[in-house]
Amino acid sequence: MKHWIEAARLRTLPLSVSGIIVGSMYALAHPTTDILTPTEVFNWRLFGFAILTTLGLQILSNFANDYGDGVKGTDNDDRVGPKRAIQSGVISRKAMKQAIVITAMLTLLSAVLLIYFAFTDTNIFYTLFFLGLGILAIISAIRYTVGNTAYGYRGYGDLFVFVFFGLVSTLGVNFLYSKEIDALLILPAAAIGLLSVGVLNLNNMRDEESDRKSNKNTIVVKIGGAKAKIYHYFLIVSAMVSVLIFSILSNFKFDQYIYLVTFIPLLKHLHTVSKNENPKDLDPELKKLALSTFALAVLLSLCIIFFFSDILVNLFLGGR
């Protein structure tokens, strides 16, 4: 059990649900067109299955990554990070392959239930669209490192993370509640996606040399460590700017900028990366960046709730 928990990489799980939290809390707080039921758009059952589905996708991706890199020999003695399950031999290839199949089935089941509770039988087009999106997400999670055409070995992992753990996670779950796309929500969705890519980029910066030897052509391998740092600055700074623009456009009050405290560890993280000369020393930064992203998602969600709650209170009081 200990080895399976390690293979699931628990430190990546808070990051994976960050978009779900922001998109869901936006739905909880955002007033609907019906003044009598301003928060009816939110549903705790949908929230629960959205969390389960996203966790399933993340764990599936972690298992598949362990399997794919292990089979290809990418995880070897040259690797800087902690030893993987197949690399160290604590879990066999056969057992990991079975775990991938089981996790994929459970994730698909959770996704089907999520879609059913969101649309029931009211909109067949939305149902089929999200079902296809869910299947695509599962396939993409596996194909990141598994197979001869694994896209993670061609430098497309960043795009997958940005789309699925940023845009799809945040905007998609909000659509399941509201049945509409709020253009303003694209900004925090992009921020979560950029920070998630930052975690992946940090991982690839740490493993640059071993990845290059194994022909795993991540963006870091393609552009080199020096430019990868600049790329990393762009990801983190762009995420912070996106959230700030969202706050300004949402007319946040002064006390609703409390989420800015999470910028402190993000800026300290950038300073650490800028001074880094030993890739091995970047490993602790993975957890710090992931938790900082999760903290930003939680605090921003609270600020969103407080902002729209004030609007709702004024609407009700004004109508009396």
Protein backbone atom coordinates (compact mmCIF):
# COMPACT_ATOMS: atom_id res chain seq x y z
CA MET A 1 0.00 0.00 0.00
CA LYS A 2 2.86 2.35 0.81
CA HIS A 3 4.36 1.89 -2.65
CA TRP A 4 1.01 2.46 -4.39
CA ILE A 5 0.48 5.67 -2.43
CA GLU A 6 3.94 6.82 -3.45
CA ALA A 7 3.20 5.92 -7.09
CA ALA A 8 0.00 8.00 -6.91
CA ARG A 9 2.20 11.01 -5.99
CA LEU A 10 -0.05 12.63 -3.41
CA ARG A 11 1.78 15.95 -3.64
CA THR A 12 0.33 16.46 -7.14
CA LEU A 13 -3.30 15.97 -6.09
CA PRO A 14 -4.03 19.40 -4.52
CA LEU A 15 -2.79 21.03 -7.72
CA SER A 16 -5.10 18.91 -9.89
CA VAL A 17 -8.27 20.02 -8.08
CA SER A 18 -7.41 23.73 -8.04
CA GLY A 19 -9.38 24.44 -11.22
CA ILE A 20 -12.36 22.45 -9.94
CA ILE A 21 -12.44 24.54 -6.77
CA VAL A 22 -12.31 27.88 -8.59
CA GLY A 23 -14.92 26.88 -11.21
CA SER A 24 -17.24 25.37 -8.59
CA MET A 25 -17.02 28.22 -6.11
CA TYR A 26 -17.66 30.68 -8.94
CA ALA A 27 -20.86 28.77 -9.65
CA LEU A 28 -21.76 28.77 -5.96
CA ALA A 29 -21.34 32.52 -5.65
CA HIS A 30 -22.42 33.84 -9.03
CA PRO A 31 -26.03 35.05 -9.06
CA THR A 32 -28.36 33.46 -11.61
CA THR A 33 -30.97 35.22 -13.70
CA ASP A 34 -33.61 34.06 -11.23
CA ILE A 35 -33.43 36.35 -8.21
CA LEU A 36 -35.49 33.90 -6.14
CA THR A 37 -32.93 31.11 -6.44
CA PRO A 38 -29.60 32.91 -6.83
CA THR A 39 -27.36 29.96 -5.87
CA GLU A 40 -29.39 27.09 -7.29
CA VAL A 41 -26.83 26.69 -10.07
CA PHE A 42 -24.43 25.01 -7.61
CA ASN A 43 -24.79 21.33 -6.72
CA TRP A 44 -22.70 19.55 -4.08
CA ARG A 45 -23.19 16.21 -5.82
CA LEU A 46 -21.64 17.59 -8.99
CA PHE A 47 -18.81 19.07 -6.95
CA GLY A 48 -18.05 15.69 -5.36
CA PHE A 49 -17.98 13.78 -8.63
CA ALA A 50 -15.96 16.54 -10.31
CA ILE A 51 -13.33 16.21 -7.57
CA LEU A 52 -13.32 12.41 -7.85
CA THR A 53 -13.01 12.51 -11.64
CA THR A 54 -10.14 14.98 -11.57
CA LEU A 55 -8.30 13.04 -8.87
CA GLY A 56 -8.80 9.90 -10.94
CA LEU A 57 -7.30 11.59 -14.00
CA GLN A 58 -4.31 12.81 -12.01
CA ILE A 59 -3.61 9.45 -10.41
CA LEU A 60 -4.10 7.74 -13.79
CA SER A 61 -1.61 10.15 -15.34
CA ASN A 62 0.88 9.46 -12.54
CA PHE A 63 0.54 5.67 -12.90
CA ALA A 64 0.85 5.90 -16.69
CA ASN A 65 3.86 8.19 -16.40
CA ASP A 66 5.54 5.74 -14.03
CA TYR A 67 4.79 2.87 -16.40
CA GLY A 68 5.72 4.66 -19.64
CA ASP A 69 9.01 6.09 -18.39
CA GLY A 70 9.84 2.81 -16.65
CA VAL A 71 9.29 0.69 -19.76
CA LYS A 72 11.22 3.11 -21.98
CA GLY A 73 14.12 3.27 -19.52
CA THR A 74 13.74 7.02 -19.01
CA ASP A 75 13.62 6.46 -15.26
CA ASN A 76 17.19 5.32 -14.65
CA ASP A 77 20.13 6.06 -12.38
CA ASP A 78 20.68 9.40 -14.13
CA ARG A 79 17.28 10.65 -12.99
CA VAL A 80 17.53 13.39 -10.37
CA GLY A 81 14.11 13.06 -8.71
CA PRO A 82 12.85 10.37 -6.34
CA LYS A 83 12.87 6.81 -7.65
CA ARG A 84 9.69 5.66 -9.35
CA ALA A 85 7.86 2.43 -8.54
CA ILE A 86 8.79 0.48 -11.68
CA GLN A 87 12.29 1.94 -11.74
CA SER A 88 12.99 0.67 -8.22
CA GLY A 89 11.17 -2.63 -8.79
CA VAL A 90 8.71 -2.28 -5.89
CA ILE A 91 5.80 -2.58 -8.35
CA SER A 92 5.92 -4.84 -11.40
CA ARG A 93 5.08 -3.68 -14.91
CA LYS A 94 2.14 -6.08 -15.01
CA ALA A 95 0.72 -4.79 -11.73
CA MET A 96 1.09 -1.17 -12.84
CA LYS A 97 -0.58 -1.93 -16.15
CA GLN A 98 -3.52 -3.49 -14.30
CA ALA A 99 -3.68 -0.45 -12.02
CA ILE A 100 -3.84 1.84 -15.07
CA VAL A 101 -6.78 -0.14 -16.51
CA ILE A 102 -8.67 -0.18 -13.19
CA THR A 103 -8.04 3.52 -12.53
CA ALA A 104 -9.15 4.41 -16.07
CA MET A 105 -12.40 2.44 -15.61
CA LEU A 106 -13.15 4.02 -12.24
CA THR A 107 -12.39 7.49 -13.60
CA LEU A 108 -14.67 6.91 -16.58
CA LEU A 109 -17.44 5.71 -14.25
CA SER A 110 -17.06 8.83 -12.13
CA ALA A 111 -17.11 11.00 -15.26
CA VAL A 112 -20.27 9.29 -16.55
CA LEU A 113 -22.04 9.88 -13.22
CA LEU A 114 -20.87 13.49 -13.19
CA ILE A 115 -22.26 14.07 -16.68
CA TYR A 116 -25.51 12.26 -15.87
CA PHE A 117 -26.19 14.35 -12.77
CA ALA A 118 -25.31 17.52 -14.70
CA PHE A 119 -27.60 16.97 -17.69
CA THR A 120 -29.76 13.87 -16.96
CA ASP A 121 -31.68 13.49 -20.22
CA THR A 122 -32.28 17.18 -20.93
CA ASN A 123 -29.50 17.80 -23.46
CA ILE A 124 -28.09 14.91 -25.48
CA PHE A 125 -25.58 17.16 -27.28
CA TYR A 126 -23.95 18.38 -24.05
CA THR A 127 -23.98 14.83 -22.69
CA LEU A 128 -22.19 13.39 -25.72
CA PHE A 129 -19.76 16.32 -25.88
CA PHE A 130 -18.65 15.98 -22.25
CA LEU A 131 -18.56 12.19 -22.52
CA GLY A 132 -16.22 12.52 -25.50
CA LEU A 133 -14.16 15.10 -23.59
CA GLY A 134 -13.90 12.74 -20.62
CA ILE A 135 -12.76 9.83 -22.78
CA LEU A 136 -10.24 12.10 -24.51
CA ALA A 137 -8.89 13.22 -21.13
CA ILE A 138 -8.43 9.60 -20.03
CA ILE A 139 -6.67 8.66 -23.25
CA SER A 140 -4.47 11.76 -23.04
CA ALA A 141 -3.52 10.99 -19.43
CA ILE A 142 -2.30 7.56 -20.53
CA ARG A 143 -0.67 8.56 -23.80
CA TYR A 144 1.53 11.19 -22.16
CA THR A 145 4.38 8.69 -21.81
CA VAL A 146 2.87 5.35 -22.86
CA GLY A 147 3.32 4.04 -26.41
CA ASN A 148 5.63 4.76 -29.33
CA THR A 149 3.81 8.02 -30.10
CA ALA A 150 3.68 9.34 -26.52
CA TYR A 151 3.18 13.10 -26.86
CA GLY A 152 5.13 13.82 -23.67
CA TYR A 153 8.24 12.73 -25.55
CA ARG A 154 7.51 15.30 -28.26
CA GLY A 155 7.10 18.33 -26.04
CA TYR A 156 3.30 18.52 -25.99
CA GLY A 157 2.83 17.78 -22.30
CA ASP A 158 2.65 21.48 -21.45
CA LEU A 159 -0.30 21.96 -23.80
CA PHE A 160 -2.16 18.98 -22.31
CA VAL A 161 -1.72 20.26 -18.75
CA PHE A 162 -2.80 23.81 -19.64
CA VAL A 163 -5.91 22.68 -21.50
CA PHE A 164 -7.16 19.93 -19.19
CA PHE A 165 -6.02 21.07 -15.74
CA GLY A 166 -6.60 24.75 -16.47
CA LEU A 167 -9.25 25.57 -19.05
CA VAL A 168 -11.28 22.34 -19.09
CA SER A 169 -11.10 21.88 -15.32
CA THR A 170 -12.23 25.41 -14.44
CA LEU A 171 -14.50 26.36 -17.34
CA GLY A 172 -15.78 22.83 -17.87
CA VAL A 173 -16.95 22.24 -14.32
CA ASN A 174 -18.54 25.69 -14.21
CA PHE A 175 -20.44 24.86 -17.40
CA LEU A 176 -21.75 21.67 -15.79
CA TYR A 177 -23.40 23.86 -13.16
CA SER A 178 -24.48 26.89 -15.15
CA LYS A 179 -24.82 25.46 -18.71
CA GLU A 180 -23.03 28.56 -20.02
CA ILE A 181 -19.49 29.89 -20.43
CA ASP A 182 -18.56 33.01 -18.50
CA ALA A 183 -15.82 34.81 -20.45
CA LEU A 184 -14.48 36.43 -17.28
CA LEU A 185 -13.71 33.00 -15.80
CA ILE A 186 -11.19 32.38 -18.60
CA LEU A 187 -8.67 34.53 -16.72
CA PRO A 188 -8.46 32.46 -13.49
CA ALA A 189 -8.77 29.29 -15.59
CA ALA A 190 -5.72 30.35 -17.59
CA ALA A 191 -3.90 31.24 -14.36
CA ILE A 192 -4.46 27.77 -12.90
CA GLY A 193 -3.39 26.24 -16.21
CA LEU A 194 -0.21 28.32 -16.38
CA LEU A 195 0.77 27.46 -12.81
CA SER A 196 0.11 23.78 -13.49
CA VAL A 197 2.36 23.96 -16.54
CA GLY A 198 4.90 25.64 -14.28
CA VAL A 199 4.97 22.55 -12.06
CA LEU A 200 5.51 20.34 -15.11
CA ASN A 201 8.21 22.66 -16.44
CA LEU A 202 9.95 22.59 -13.08
CA ASN A 203 9.87 18.80 -13.16
CA ASN A 204 11.33 18.82 -16.68
CA MET A 205 14.03 21.31 -15.68
CA ARG A 206 15.05 18.97 -12.88
CA ASP A 207 15.18 15.98 -15.25
CA GLU A 208 16.68 17.77 -18.27
CA GLU A 209 19.88 15.74 -18.56
CA SER A 210 18.31 12.32 -18.02
CA ASP A 211 15.45 13.19 -20.39
CA ARG A 212 17.89 14.27 -23.08
CA LYS A 213 19.80 10.99 -22.81
CA SER A 214 16.52 9.05 -23.05
CA ASN A 215 15.28 11.05 -26.08
CA LYS A 216 12.39 12.49 -24.09
CA ASN A 217 12.13 15.78 -25.94
CA THR A 218 10.30 17.98 -23.47
CA ILE A 219 10.19 21.72 -24.07
CA VAL A 220 13.10 22.08 -21.62
CA VAL A 221 15.20 19.63 -23.64
CA LYS A 222 14.30 21.46 -26.86
CA ILE A 223 15.09 24.99 -25.69
CA GLY A 224 17.72 24.31 -23.01
CA GLY A 225 17.89 25.07 -19.30
CA ALA A 226 18.63 28.80 -19.61
CA LYS A 227 15.63 29.52 -21.84
CA ALA A 228 13.52 27.14 -19.74
CA LYS A 229 14.04 29.49 -16.81
CA ILE A 230 12.75 32.42 -18.85
CA TYR A 231 9.80 30.29 -19.94
CA HIS A 232 9.18 29.48 -16.26
CA TYR A 233 9.17 33.18 -15.32
CA PHE A 234 6.65 33.79 -18.11
CA LEU A 235 4.32 31.05 -16.81
CA ILE A 236 4.28 32.20 -13.19
CA VAL A 237 4.16 35.94 -13.84
CA SER A 238 1.45 35.57 -16.51
CA ALA A 239 -0.64 33.57 -14.05
CA MET A 240 -0.37 36.28 -11.39
CA VAL A 241 -1.20 39.02 -13.91
CA SER A 242 -4.24 37.04 -15.14
CA VAL A 243 -5.64 36.80 -11.62
CA LEU A 244 -5.04 40.50 -11.01
CA ILE A 245 -6.85 41.46 -14.22
CA PHE A 246 -9.73 39.17 -13.22
CA SER A 247 -9.96 40.93 -9.85
CA ILE A 248 -9.93 44.38 -11.41
CA LEU A 249 -12.58 43.50 -13.97
CA SER A 250 -14.68 41.96 -11.18
CA ASN A 251 -14.41 45.20 -9.16
CA PHE A 252 -12.97 43.47 -6.12
CA LYS A 253 -12.91 45.51 -2.95
CA PHE A 254 -9.65 46.18 -1.10
CA ASP A 255 -10.13 43.37 1.42
CA GLN A 256 -10.91 40.90 -1.35
CA TYR A 257 -7.32 40.99 -2.55
CA ILE A 258 -6.30 38.79 0.37
CA TYR A 259 -5.27 36.11 -2.12
CA LEU A 260 -2.24 38.31 -2.91
CA VAL A 261 -0.50 36.70 0.07
CA THR A 262 0.02 33.64 -2.14
CA PHE A 263 2.11 35.79 -4.48
CA ILE A 264 4.79 35.91 -1.77
CA PRO A 265 5.76 32.20 -2.03
CA LEU A 266 5.39 32.42 -5.81
CA LEU A 267 7.88 35.31 -5.99
CA LYS A 268 10.23 33.54 -3.58
CA HIS A 269 9.95 30.49 -5.81
CA LEU A 270 10.96 32.53 -8.87
CA HIS A 271 13.94 33.90 -6.95
CA THR A 272 15.02 30.36 -6.03
CA VAL A 273 14.72 29.20 -9.64
CA SER A 274 16.69 32.21 -10.92
CA LYS A 275 19.58 31.42 -8.55
CA ASN A 276 19.52 27.66 -9.12
CA GLU A 277 22.55 25.97 -10.65
CA ASN A 278 21.94 22.38 -9.54
CA PRO A 279 18.79 20.75 -11.04
CA LYS A 280 18.52 18.41 -8.05
CA ASP A 281 17.80 21.39 -5.80
CA LEU A 282 14.65 22.15 -7.80
CA ASP A 283 12.85 19.05 -6.50
CA PRO A 284 11.56 20.67 -3.26
CA GLU A 285 10.19 23.54 -5.33
CA LEU A 286 7.69 21.20 -7.01
CA LYS A 287 5.73 20.74 -3.81
CA LYS A 288 5.99 24.43 -2.93
CA LEU A 289 4.65 25.56 -6.30
CA ALA A 290 1.85 22.98 -6.27
CA LEU A 291 0.71 24.00 -2.77
CA SER A 292 1.00 27.70 -3.62
CA THR A 293 -1.29 27.13 -6.60
CA PHE A 294 -3.78 25.26 -4.42
CA ALA A 295 -3.67 28.05 -1.80
CA LEU A 296 -4.25 30.65 -4.51
CA ALA A 297 -7.26 28.70 -5.80
CA VAL A 298 -8.79 28.43 -2.33
CA LEU A 299 -8.24 32.06 -1.33
CA LEU A 300 -9.38 33.38 -4.71
CA SER A 301 -12.52 31.25 -4.42
CA LEU A 302 -13.26 32.73 -1.01
CA CYS A 303 -12.80 36.23 -2.43
CA ILE A 304 -15.18 35.41 -5.28
CA ILE A 305 -17.79 34.10 -2.84
CA PHE A 306 -17.54 37.18 -0.63
CA PHE A 307 -17.80 39.51 -3.62
CA PHE A 308 -20.90 38.00 -5.16
CA SER A 309 -22.43 37.33 -1.75
CA ASP A 310 -22.36 41.08 -1.15
CA ILE A 311 -24.18 41.60 -4.43
CA LEU A 312 -26.84 39.06 -3.47
CA VAL A 313 -27.36 40.61 -0.06
CA ASN A 314 -27.80 44.05 -1.63
CA LEU A 315 -30.25 42.66 -4.17
CA PHE A 316 -32.38 41.04 -1.49
CA LEU A 317 -32.26 43.99 0.88
CA GLY A 318 -32.97 46.41 -1.94
CA GLY A 319 -36.04 44.45 -2.96
CA ARG A 320 -37.59 44.59 0.48
